[in-house]
């Protein structure tokens, strides 16, 4: 993965390291010294990495790295950042969302949770999985909304206006839903 932390390029490598590059200089940080990085996402302040060591690590442009979440015995293979500073991560079927105040909520999908994406407005998460995608409000006690479509959905994205969700699929296709009426788009 690659992210920009201000003027610093942050490269998340499969060997568990994050390489920070700025002004022709590089600095290597062992974000996951006991494992591999499986997912990475960044904003202008940090790069979050998920590893096969069951940890989510945050690395800043100065190289400071901290564990921000941990799930023993599970691989962290999907991540999403919210504009407020909150984040979400998936470990197998379980998705965890931590808001900017440090409160964590969890939800379990019917199959392995793959791609995660926060809506452009509000605190709503799209989760791609086998059989479609699910829209979940982590901070509300409402039932998640299933957007069904047969097949293996690998990643999720929202339209900038929040009216559409599109997933990439293992079947070499994209599938979308218009959220106002649930209509499919292929």
Foldseek 3Di string as FASTA:
>chain_A
DWDAQDQWIWDFFQCQWIWIDHPRDIDIANQPNPFGWQDWDDDNAWIWTWTQQQFIWTAGNVGDIDTLDGDHPFTWHEKEADPQGKIWTFTWQKIWTQGPVGDIAIDGHPGGWAAWYAALDAGWIWTFAAFAIWIDRRVDPDDIHGLGDHAGFHYWDADNVRQKIWTQGPVRDIKMARVVVRDIDD
